[in-house]
Amino acid sequence: MTLKELYNTGTDILKNASIQESSLDAWYLLEYVTGITRARYFVDSQQTVPKNHQKQYLQLIQKRAEHIPLQHLTGVQEFMGLEFHVNEHVLIPRQDTEILVETALEKLKEISSPVNLLDMCTGSGCILLSILYYMKNKKQITGTGVDISDKALEVARKNAKSLGLSVDFLQSDLFDKITDKYSMIVSNPPYIRSDVIKTLQEEVREHDPMLALDGMEDGLYFYRKIISESEKYLQADGYLIFEIGHDQGLDVSNMMKDAGFRDVLIKKDLAGLDRVVLGVYDTKR
């Protein structure tokens, strides 16, 4: 088969399997297997593909047709312009979460060095590592990532090594093993209501780790826990910044205000939906 024939075959298989972005996913897998660029494809689309590459590609296409996430097949996901290792033990980094990172980077400019940063429910480490990567030459900063899952922390450590960053990763059920105080706490905790999980896309429902999805009955369990305990671990005027579900802005912001946080704000994502809530810990309350 030629490159064009192979790509068209992959696209057709994924389309028939109701994969939403069938042509794009077929391309990414072709690129992953053959290493071809788009520019070269347009020039060499009639080039014959080696048998071993054909076999590998069609095997991956079949797995994607079974709704196994593309990122689990390639093992990587781009986030904040960086490449992160991912697998079935971590939530796949999503573009919406970049709003949280961008907000943290903006607020870090207002904090005097040195900065001590905590990422609660770190997963792949994409939030913490992105912040550290883009602040490494601008501010004296140290970071700690916490997760209850040992398997997730293995992925986070691999990502830190790939990016050349020195980070402490700690297995802990939220703050159970935390003893330090931090200039900023960031978190993308599980926030999907338990009864909604069964309605999610198959790629998410069947392949993302349930620990990273289930926010209990009303989706707000982890916000309550983190907000109520964070005052023991935040320095004066420290920031607490959350990613939230699109319908949770009011609830989470009110929780933070009730807990004594000031300057509480809700930030929207590119689709105009509530995506981030942040506030400053007020020691004078």
C-alpha atoms as a PDB file:
ATOM      1  CA  MET A   1       0.000   0.000   0.000  1.00  0.00           C
ATOM      2  CA  THR A   2       1.079   3.572  -0.617  1.00  0.00           C
ATOM      3  CA  LEU A   3       1.079   6.221   2.092  1.00  0.00           C
ATOM      4  CA  LYS A   4      -2.118   7.671   0.637  1.00  0.00           C
ATOM      5  CA  GLU A   5      -3.856   4.300   0.463  1.00  0.00           C
ATOM      6  CA  LEU A   6      -2.854   3.447   3.996  1.00  0.00           C
ATOM      7  CA  TYR A   7      -4.001   6.810   5.347  1.00  0.00           C
ATOM      8  CA  ASN A   8      -7.344   6.574   3.502  1.00  0.00           C
ATOM      9  CA  THR A   9      -7.863   3.042   4.820  1.00  0.00           C
ATOM     10  CA  GLY A  10      -7.200   4.196   8.371  1.00  0.00           C
ATOM     11  CA  THR A  11      -9.544   7.146   8.004  1.00  0.00           C
ATOM     12  CA  ASP A  12     -12.352   4.933   6.662  1.00  0.00           C
ATOM     13  CA  ILE A  13     -11.975   2.410   9.496  1.00  0.00           C
ATOM     14  CA  LEU A  14     -12.150   5.140  12.150  1.00  0.00           C
ATOM     15  CA  LYS A  15     -15.052   6.873  10.429  1.00  0.00           C
ATOM     16  CA  ASN A  16     -17.019   3.615  10.336  1.00  0.00           C
ATOM     17  CA  ALA A  17     -16.272   3.180  14.042  1.00  0.00           C
ATOM     18  CA  SER A  18     -17.799   6.622  14.758  1.00  0.00           C
ATOM     19  CA  ILE A  19     -14.523   8.180  15.867  1.00  0.00           C
ATOM     20  CA  GLN A  20     -15.281  11.908  15.875  1.00  0.00           C
ATOM     21  CA  GLU A  21     -12.012  13.149  14.380  1.00  0.00           C
ATOM     22  CA  SER A  22     -11.336  10.122  12.205  1.00  0.00           C
ATOM     23  CA  SER A  23      -9.144  11.802   9.577  1.00  0.00           C
ATOM     24  CA  LEU A  24      -7.077  13.679  12.158  1.00  0.00           C
ATOM     25  CA  ASP A  25      -6.520  10.616  14.346  1.00  0.00           C
ATOM     26  CA  ALA A  26      -5.647   8.522  11.283  1.00  0.00           C
ATOM     27  CA  TRP A  27      -3.056  11.135  10.359  1.00  0.00           C
ATOM     28  CA  TYR A  28      -1.521  11.297  13.842  1.00  0.00           C
ATOM     29  CA  LEU A  29      -1.098   7.530  13.858  1.00  0.00           C
ATOM     30  CA  LEU A  30       0.440   7.576  10.378  1.00  0.00           C
ATOM     31  CA  GLU A  31       2.855  10.252  11.536  1.00  0.00           C
ATOM     32  CA  TYR A  32       3.604   8.255  14.701  1.00  0.00           C
ATOM     33  CA  VAL A  33       4.353   5.005  12.838  1.00  0.00           C
ATOM     34  CA  THR A  34       6.200   6.336   9.772  1.00  0.00           C
ATOM     35  CA  GLY A  35       7.655   9.607  11.054  1.00  0.00           C
ATOM     36  CA  ILE A  36       6.366  11.390   7.961  1.00  0.00           C
ATOM     37  CA  THR A  37       5.649  15.123   7.970  1.00  0.00           C
ATOM     38  CA  ARG A  38       2.672  16.719   6.251  1.00  0.00           C
ATOM     39  CA  ALA A  39       4.959  18.471   3.767  1.00  0.00           C
ATOM     40  CA  ARG A  40       6.631  15.208   2.814  1.00  0.00           C
ATOM     41  CA  TYR A  41       3.297  13.404   2.591  1.00  0.00           C
ATOM     42  CA  PHE A  42       2.024  15.794  -0.071  1.00  0.00           C
ATOM     43  CA  VAL A  43       5.174  15.153  -2.106  1.00  0.00           C
ATOM     44  CA  ASP A  44       5.545  11.392  -1.480  1.00  0.00           C
ATOM     45  CA  SER A  45       1.966  10.173  -0.922  1.00  0.00           C
ATOM     46  CA  GLN A  46       2.425   7.477  -3.610  1.00  0.00           C
ATOM     47  CA  GLN A  47       5.473   6.033  -1.850  1.00  0.00           C
ATOM     48  CA  THR A  48       5.054   2.392  -0.807  1.00  0.00           C
ATOM     49  CA  VAL A  49       4.918   1.801   2.949  1.00  0.00           C
ATOM     50  CA  PRO A  50       7.087  -1.054   4.345  1.00  0.00           C
ATOM     51  CA  LYS A  51       5.068  -4.115   5.392  1.00  0.00           C
ATOM     52  CA  ASN A  52       6.042  -3.812   9.064  1.00  0.00           C
ATOM     53  CA  HIS A  53       4.812  -0.198   9.160  1.00  0.00           C
ATOM     54  CA  GLN A  54       1.564  -1.164   7.435  1.00  0.00           C
ATOM     55  CA  LYS A  55       0.943  -3.867  10.027  1.00  0.00           C
ATOM     56  CA  GLN A  56       1.776  -1.615  12.972  1.00  0.00           C
ATOM     57  CA  TYR A  57      -0.395   1.192  11.639  1.00  0.00           C
ATOM     58  CA  LEU A  58      -3.448  -0.982  11.013  1.00  0.00           C
ATOM     59  CA  GLN A  59      -3.106  -2.571  14.463  1.00  0.00           C
ATOM     60  CA  LEU A  60      -3.127   0.878  16.056  1.00  0.00           C
ATOM     61  CA  ILE A  61      -6.046   1.972  13.881  1.00  0.00           C
ATOM     62  CA  GLN A  62      -8.028  -1.048  15.075  1.00  0.00           C
ATOM     63  CA  LYS A  63      -7.303  -0.170  18.700  1.00  0.00           C
ATOM     64  CA  ARG A  64      -8.390   3.419  18.097  1.00  0.00           C
ATOM     65  CA  ALA A  65     -11.556   2.071  16.429  1.00  0.00           C
ATOM     66  CA  GLU A  66     -12.246   0.352  19.759  1.00  0.00           C
ATOM     67  CA  HIS A  67     -12.227   3.852  21.317  1.00  0.00           C
ATOM     68  CA  ILE A  68      -8.909   3.470  23.064  1.00  0.00           C
ATOM     69  CA  PRO A  69      -7.671   7.083  23.338  1.00  0.00           C
ATOM     70  CA  LEU A  70      -5.164   8.182  20.734  1.00  0.00           C
ATOM     71  CA  GLN A  71      -2.799   9.348  23.485  1.00  0.00           C
ATOM     72  CA  HIS A  72      -2.759   5.893  25.056  1.00  0.00           C
ATOM     73  CA  LEU A  73      -1.610   4.505  21.715  1.00  0.00           C
ATOM     74  CA  THR A  74       1.137   7.060  21.098  1.00  0.00           C
ATOM     75  CA  GLY A  75       1.987   7.494  24.795  1.00  0.00           C
ATOM     76  CA  VAL A  76       2.237  11.278  24.572  1.00  0.00           C
ATOM     77  CA  GLN A  77       0.109  14.427  24.677  1.00  0.00           C
ATOM     78  CA  GLU A  78       1.084  18.019  23.936  1.00  0.00           C
ATOM     79  CA  PHE A  79       0.239  20.549  26.649  1.00  0.00           C
ATOM     80  CA  MET A  80       1.405  24.155  26.974  1.00  0.00           C
ATOM     81  CA  GLY A  81       3.734  23.558  24.033  1.00  0.00           C
ATOM     82  CA  LEU A  82       5.464  20.692  25.872  1.00  0.00           C
ATOM     83  CA  GLU A  83       5.301  16.922  25.340  1.00  0.00           C
ATOM     84  CA  PHE A  84       4.048  14.819  28.245  1.00  0.00           C
ATOM     85  CA  HIS A  85       4.105  11.063  28.683  1.00  0.00           C
ATOM     86  CA  VAL A  86       0.650   9.647  29.452  1.00  0.00           C
ATOM     87  CA  ASN A  87      -0.951   6.257  30.010  1.00  0.00           C
ATOM     88  CA  GLU A  88      -4.058   4.709  31.517  1.00  0.00           C
ATOM     89  CA  HIS A  89      -2.998   5.765  35.041  1.00  0.00           C
ATOM     90  CA  VAL A  90      -3.317   9.522  34.449  1.00  0.00           C
ATOM     91  CA  LEU A  91      -5.874  11.936  33.090  1.00  0.00           C
ATOM     92  CA  ILE A  92      -4.924  13.004  29.568  1.00  0.00           C
ATOM     93  CA  PRO A  93      -3.942  16.709  29.681  1.00  0.00           C
ATOM     94  CA  ARG A  94      -6.597  18.871  28.053  1.00  0.00           C
ATOM     95  CA  GLN A  95      -6.398  22.292  26.490  1.00  0.00           C
ATOM     96  CA  ASP A  96      -8.929  23.702  28.983  1.00  0.00           C
ATOM     97  CA  THR A  97      -6.429  23.083  31.770  1.00  0.00           C
ATOM     98  CA  GLU A  98      -3.978  25.481  30.136  1.00  0.00           C
ATOM     99  CA  ILE A  99      -6.179  28.290  31.536  1.00  0.00           C
ATOM    100  CA  LEU A 100      -5.189  27.154  35.042  1.00  0.00           C
ATOM    101  CA  VAL A 101      -1.483  27.168  34.153  1.00  0.00           C
ATOM    102  CA  GLU A 102      -1.688  30.576  32.480  1.00  0.00           C
ATOM    103  CA  THR A 103      -3.495  32.002  35.516  1.00  0.00           C
ATOM    104  CA  ALA A 104      -0.861  30.608  37.877  1.00  0.00           C
ATOM    105  CA  LEU A 105       1.972  32.043  35.762  1.00  0.00           C
ATOM    106  CA  GLU A 106       0.285  35.445  35.779  1.00  0.00           C
ATOM    107  CA  LYS A 107      -0.170  35.478  39.555  1.00  0.00           C
ATOM    108  CA  LEU A 108       3.353  34.202  40.243  1.00  0.00           C
ATOM    109  CA  LYS A 109       4.672  37.468  38.828  1.00  0.00           C
ATOM    110  CA  GLU A 110       3.078  39.200  41.840  1.00  0.00           C
ATOM    111  CA  ILE A 111       4.768  36.953  44.422  1.00  0.00           C
ATOM    112  CA  SER A 112       8.252  37.731  45.696  1.00  0.00           C
ATOM    113  CA  SER A 113      10.870  34.989  45.424  1.00  0.00           C
ATOM    114  CA  PRO A 114      11.404  32.388  46.675  1.00  0.00           C
ATOM    115  CA  VAL A 115       8.167  30.639  45.680  1.00  0.00           C
ATOM    116  CA  ASN A 116       7.033  27.300  47.079  1.00  0.00           C
ATOM    117  CA  LEU A 117       4.373  25.704  44.866  1.00  0.00           C
ATOM    118  CA  LEU A 118       2.080  22.729  45.577  1.00  0.00           C
ATOM    119  CA  ASP A 119       0.089  20.846  42.929  1.00  0.00           C
ATOM    120  CA  MET A 120      -2.657  18.792  44.569  1.00  0.00           C
ATOM    121  CA  CYS A 121      -3.892  15.779  42.538  1.00  0.00           C
ATOM    122  CA  THR A 122      -0.947  16.161  40.175  1.00  0.00           C
ATOM    123  CA  GLY A 123      -1.599  13.171  37.878  1.00  0.00           C
ATOM    124  CA  SER A 124       0.824  13.376  34.944  1.00  0.00           C
ATOM    125  CA  GLY A 125       2.386  16.462  36.533  1.00  0.00           C
ATOM    126  CA  CYS A 126       1.469  18.581  33.501  1.00  0.00           C
ATOM    127  CA  ILE A 127       0.240  21.572  35.538  1.00  0.00           C
ATOM    128  CA  LEU A 128       3.135  21.738  37.987  1.00  0.00           C
ATOM    129  CA  LEU A 129       5.818  20.929  35.426  1.00  0.00           C
ATOM    130  CA  SER A 130       4.516  23.470  32.914  1.00  0.00           C
ATOM    131  CA  ILE A 131       4.572  26.192  35.564  1.00  0.00           C
ATOM    132  CA  LEU A 132       8.085  25.279  36.689  1.00  0.00           C
ATOM    133  CA  TYR A 133       9.336  25.027  33.110  1.00  0.00           C
ATOM    134  CA  TYR A 134       8.137  28.502  32.150  1.00  0.00           C
ATOM    135  CA  MET A 135       9.247  30.100  35.433  1.00  0.00           C
ATOM    136  CA  LYS A 136      12.655  28.445  35.771  1.00  0.00           C
ATOM    137  CA  ASN A 137      14.677  31.399  34.503  1.00  0.00           C
ATOM    138  CA  LYS A 138      12.419  34.091  35.953  1.00  0.00           C
ATOM    139  CA  LYS A 139      11.978  33.291  39.626  1.00  0.00           C
ATOM    140  CA  GLN A 140      13.420  31.158  42.407  1.00  0.00           C
ATOM    141  CA  ILE A 141      10.777  28.452  42.646  1.00  0.00           C
ATOM    142  CA  THR A 142      10.406  24.956  44.074  1.00  0.00           C
ATOM    143  CA  GLY A 143       7.534  22.587  43.439  1.00  0.00           C
ATOM    144  CA  THR A 144       5.827  19.590  45.034  1.00  0.00           C
ATOM    145  CA  GLY A 145       3.288  17.343  43.321  1.00  0.00           C
ATOM    146  CA  VAL A 146       0.883  15.213  45.346  1.00  0.00           C
ATOM    147  CA  ASP A 147      -1.276  12.309  44.235  1.00  0.00           C
ATOM    148  CA  ILE A 148      -2.881   9.324  45.913  1.00  0.00           C
ATOM    149  CA  SER A 149      -1.857   7.081  42.995  1.00  0.00           C
ATOM    150  CA  ASP A 150       1.659   5.626  42.915  1.00  0.00           C
ATOM    151  CA  LYS A 151       1.180   4.745  39.240  1.00  0.00           C
ATOM    152  CA  ALA A 152       0.319   8.350  38.398  1.00  0.00           C
ATOM    153  CA  LEU A 153       3.398   9.576  40.250  1.00  0.00           C
ATOM    154  CA  GLU A 154       5.587   7.246  38.170  1.00  0.00           C
ATOM    155  CA  VAL A 155       4.330   9.055  35.069  1.00  0.00           C
ATOM    156  CA  ALA A 156       4.865  12.464  36.675  1.00  0.00           C
ATOM    157  CA  ARG A 157       8.457  11.587  37.602  1.00  0.00           C
ATOM    158  CA  LYS A 158       9.119  10.436  34.043  1.00  0.00           C
ATOM    159  CA  ASN A 159       7.796  13.742  32.737  1.00  0.00           C
ATOM    160  CA  ALA A 160       9.932  15.734  35.148  1.00  0.00           C
ATOM    161  CA  LYS A 161      13.010  13.851  33.994  1.00  0.00           C
ATOM    162  CA  SER A 162      12.163  14.423  30.318  1.00  0.00           C
ATOM    163  CA  LEU A 163      11.836  18.164  30.937  1.00  0.00           C
ATOM    164  CA  GLY A 164      14.999  18.331  33.041  1.00  0.00           C
ATOM    165  CA  LEU A 165      13.151  19.573  36.130  1.00  0.00           C
ATOM    166  CA  SER A 166      13.833  18.791  39.780  1.00  0.00           C
ATOM    167  CA  VAL A 167      10.532  18.198  41.575  1.00  0.00           C
ATOM    168  CA  ASP A 168       9.383  16.460  44.744  1.00  0.00           C
ATOM    169  CA  PHE A 169       6.512  14.048  44.139  1.00  0.00           C
ATOM    170  CA  LEU A 170       4.709  12.641  47.152  1.00  0.00           C
ATOM    171  CA  GLN A 171       2.070   9.946  47.517  1.00  0.00           C
ATOM    172  CA  SER A 172      -0.549  11.347  49.860  1.00  0.00           C
ATOM    173  CA  ASP A 173      -4.310  11.377  50.311  1.00  0.00           C
ATOM    174  CA  LEU A 174      -4.666  15.130  49.805  1.00  0.00           C
ATOM    175  CA  PHE A 175      -2.819  16.897  52.665  1.00  0.00           C
ATOM    176  CA  ASP A 176      -2.245  13.821  54.860  1.00  0.00           C
ATOM    177  CA  LYS A 177       1.552  13.835  54.382  1.00  0.00           C
ATOM    178  CA  ILE A 178       2.031  17.564  53.739  1.00  0.00           C
ATOM    179  CA  THR A 179       3.947  19.529  56.380  1.00  0.00           C
ATOM    180  CA  ASP A 180       5.225  22.608  54.533  1.00  0.00           C
ATOM    181  CA  LYS A 181       3.584  25.942  53.734  1.00  0.00           C
ATOM    182  CA  TYR A 182       3.209  27.190  50.164  1.00  0.00           C
ATOM    183  CA  SER A 183       3.029  30.459  48.249  1.00  0.00           C
ATOM    184  CA  MET A 184       0.508  28.888  45.874  1.00  0.00           C
ATOM    185  CA  ILE A 185      -1.588  25.739  45.714  1.00  0.00           C
ATOM    186  CA  VAL A 186      -2.960  24.679  42.326  1.00  0.00           C
ATOM    187  CA  SER A 187      -5.308  21.785  41.729  1.00  0.00           C
ATOM    188  CA  ASN A 188      -7.377  20.100  39.053  1.00  0.00           C
ATOM    189  CA  PRO A 189      -9.206  17.681  41.356  1.00  0.00           C
ATOM    190  CA  PRO A 190     -11.793  15.077  40.341  1.00  0.00           C
ATOM    191  CA  TYR A 191     -14.988  17.071  39.748  1.00  0.00           C
ATOM    192  CA  ILE A 192     -17.399  14.945  37.703  1.00  0.00           C
ATOM    193  CA  ARG A 193     -20.567  13.996  39.582  1.00  0.00           C
ATOM    194  CA  SER A 194     -20.730  10.236  40.122  1.00  0.00           C
ATOM    195  CA  ASP A 195     -24.031   9.894  38.267  1.00  0.00           C
ATOM    196  CA  VAL A 196     -22.697  11.793  35.236  1.00  0.00           C
ATOM    197  CA  ILE A 197     -19.663   9.570  34.639  1.00  0.00           C
ATOM    198  CA  LYS A 198     -21.725   6.953  32.816  1.00  0.00           C
ATOM    199  CA  THR A 199     -22.764   9.595  30.239  1.00  0.00           C
ATOM    200  CA  LEU A 200     -19.197  10.609  29.300  1.00  0.00           C
ATOM    201  CA  GLN A 201     -17.518   9.658  26.021  1.00  0.00           C
ATOM    202  CA  GLU A 202     -16.336   6.050  25.955  1.00  0.00           C
ATOM    203  CA  GLU A 203     -12.705   7.194  25.664  1.00  0.00           C
ATOM    204  CA  VAL A 204     -13.073   9.012  29.002  1.00  0.00           C
ATOM    205  CA  ARG A 205     -15.517   6.700  30.769  1.00  0.00           C
ATOM    206  CA  GLU A 206     -13.652   3.480  30.012  1.00  0.00           C
ATOM    207  CA  HIS A 207     -10.032   4.580  29.805  1.00  0.00           C
ATOM    208  CA  ASP A 208      -9.359   7.585  32.069  1.00  0.00           C
ATOM    209  CA  PRO A 209      -8.633   6.586  35.690  1.00  0.00           C
ATOM    210  CA  MET A 210     -11.779   6.745  37.826  1.00  0.00           C
ATOM    211  CA  LEU A 211      -9.722   8.266  40.666  1.00  0.00           C
ATOM    212  CA  ALA A 212      -9.140  11.315  38.471  1.00  0.00           C
ATOM    213  CA  LEU A 213     -12.795  11.713  37.452  1.00  0.00           C
ATOM    214  CA  ASP A 214     -15.139  10.976  40.344  1.00  0.00           C
ATOM    215  CA  GLY A 215     -15.960  14.095  42.373  1.00  0.00           C
ATOM    216  CA  MET A 216     -18.533  12.149  44.416  1.00  0.00           C
ATOM    217  CA  GLU A 217     -22.266  12.849  44.610  1.00  0.00           C
ATOM    218  CA  ASP A 218     -22.308  16.567  43.732  1.00  0.00           C
ATOM    219  CA  GLY A 219     -18.851  16.840  42.155  1.00  0.00           C
ATOM    220  CA  LEU A 220     -17.689  19.213  44.888  1.00  0.00           C
ATOM    221  CA  TYR A 221     -16.247  16.801  47.445  1.00  0.00           C
ATOM    222  CA  PHE A 222     -12.569  17.538  46.744  1.00  0.00           C
ATOM    223  CA  TYR A 223     -13.094  21.304  46.576  1.00  0.00           C
ATOM    224  CA  ARG A 224     -14.615  21.230  50.056  1.00  0.00           C
ATOM    225  CA  LYS A 225     -11.746  19.145  51.414  1.00  0.00           C
ATOM    226  CA  ILE A 226      -8.962  21.166  49.808  1.00  0.00           C
ATOM    227  CA  ILE A 227     -10.473  24.563  50.674  1.00  0.00           C
ATOM    228  CA  SER A 228     -11.128  23.629  54.311  1.00  0.00           C
ATOM    229  CA  GLU A 229      -7.623  22.219  54.852  1.00  0.00           C
ATOM    230  CA  SER A 230      -5.585  24.586  52.694  1.00  0.00           C
ATOM    231  CA  GLU A 231      -5.384  27.399  55.246  1.00  0.00           C
ATOM    232  CA  LYS A 232      -2.931  25.288  57.278  1.00  0.00           C
ATOM    233  CA  TYR A 233      -0.621  24.992  54.282  1.00  0.00           C
ATOM    234  CA  LEU A 234      -0.802  28.422  52.645  1.00  0.00           C
ATOM    235  CA  GLN A 235       1.572  31.243  53.454  1.00  0.00           C
ATOM    236  CA  ALA A 236       0.109  34.680  54.160  1.00  0.00           C
ATOM    237  CA  ASP A 237      -1.460  36.059  50.977  1.00  0.00           C
ATOM    238  CA  GLY A 238      -0.916  32.723  49.242  1.00  0.00           C
ATOM    239  CA  TYR A 239      -2.994  31.781  46.228  1.00  0.00           C
ATOM    240  CA  LEU A 240      -5.366  28.845  45.846  1.00  0.00           C
ATOM    241  CA  ILE A 241      -6.224  28.158  42.191  1.00  0.00           C
ATOM    242  CA  PHE A 242      -8.620  25.468  40.937  1.00  0.00           C
ATOM    243  CA  GLU A 243      -9.769  24.120  37.624  1.00  0.00           C
ATOM    244  CA  ILE A 244     -13.525  23.609  37.818  1.00  0.00           C
ATOM    245  CA  GLY A 245     -16.359  22.131  35.820  1.00  0.00           C
ATOM    246  CA  HIS A 246     -18.261  24.634  33.663  1.00  0.00           C
ATOM    247  CA  ASP A 247     -21.216  24.754  36.092  1.00  0.00           C
ATOM    248  CA  GLN A 248     -19.247  24.893  39.364  1.00  0.00           C
ATOM    249  CA  GLY A 249     -17.929  28.465  39.377  1.00  0.00           C
ATOM    250  CA  LEU A 250     -20.490  29.935  41.757  1.00  0.00           C
ATOM    251  CA  ASP A 251     -20.383  27.029  44.209  1.00  0.00           C
ATOM    252  CA  VAL A 252     -16.592  26.895  44.437  1.00  0.00           C
ATOM    253  CA  SER A 253     -16.147  30.665  44.617  1.00  0.00           C
ATOM    254  CA  ASN A 254     -18.719  30.887  47.436  1.00  0.00           C
ATOM    255  CA  MET A 255     -16.915  28.109  49.328  1.00  0.00           C
ATOM    256  CA  MET A 256     -13.666  30.036  49.064  1.00  0.00           C
ATOM    257  CA  LYS A 257     -15.266  33.292  50.229  1.00  0.00           C
ATOM    258  CA  ASP A 258     -16.921  31.507  53.168  1.00  0.00           C
ATOM    259  CA  ALA A 259     -13.524  30.045  54.110  1.00  0.00           C
ATOM    260  CA  GLY A 260     -11.969  33.513  54.274  1.00  0.00           C
ATOM    261  CA  PHE A 261     -10.360  33.873  50.865  1.00  0.00           C
ATOM    262  CA  ARG A 262     -10.373  37.358  49.345  1.00  0.00           C
ATOM    263  CA  ASP A 263     -10.142  38.629  45.764  1.00  0.00           C
ATOM    264  CA  VAL A 264     -11.986  35.515  44.607  1.00  0.00           C
ATOM    265  CA  LEU A 265     -12.342  35.436  40.820  1.00  0.00           C
ATOM    266  CA  ILE A 266     -13.827  33.128  38.193  1.00  0.00           C
ATOM    267  CA  LYS A 267     -12.000  32.898  34.852  1.00  0.00           C
ATOM    268  CA  LYS A 268     -13.516  31.579  31.643  1.00  0.00           C
ATOM    269  CA  ASP A 269     -12.008  29.309  28.994  1.00  0.00           C
ATOM    270  CA  LEU A 270     -11.848  29.966  25.258  1.00  0.00           C
ATOM    271  CA  ALA A 271     -15.421  28.700  24.857  1.00  0.00           C
ATOM    272  CA  GLY A 272     -16.664  31.288  27.373  1.00  0.00           C
ATOM    273  CA  LEU A 273     -17.344  28.703  30.084  1.00  0.00           C
ATOM    274  CA  ASP A 274     -16.286  29.007  33.728  1.00  0.00           C
ATOM    275  CA  ARG A 275     -12.996  27.111  34.036  1.00  0.00           C
ATOM    276  CA  VAL A 276     -10.830  28.471  36.881  1.00  0.00           C
ATOM    277  CA  VAL A 277     -11.523  29.854  40.353  1.00  0.00           C
ATOM    278  CA  LEU A 278      -8.811  31.577  42.365  1.00  0.00           C
ATOM    279  CA  GLY A 279      -8.491  33.472  45.609  1.00  0.00           C
ATOM    280  CA  VAL A 280      -5.976  34.806  48.118  1.00  0.00           C
ATOM    281  CA  TYR A 281      -5.698  33.398  51.629  1.00  0.00           C
ATOM    282  CA  ASP A 282      -6.457  36.251  54.025  1.00  0.00           C
ATOM    283  CA  THR A 283      -4.711  35.789  57.359  1.00  0.00           C
ATOM    284  CA  LYS A 284      -6.439  38.904  58.754  1.00  0.00           C
ATOM    285  CA  ARG A 285      -9.911  37.368  58.682  1.00  0.00           C
END
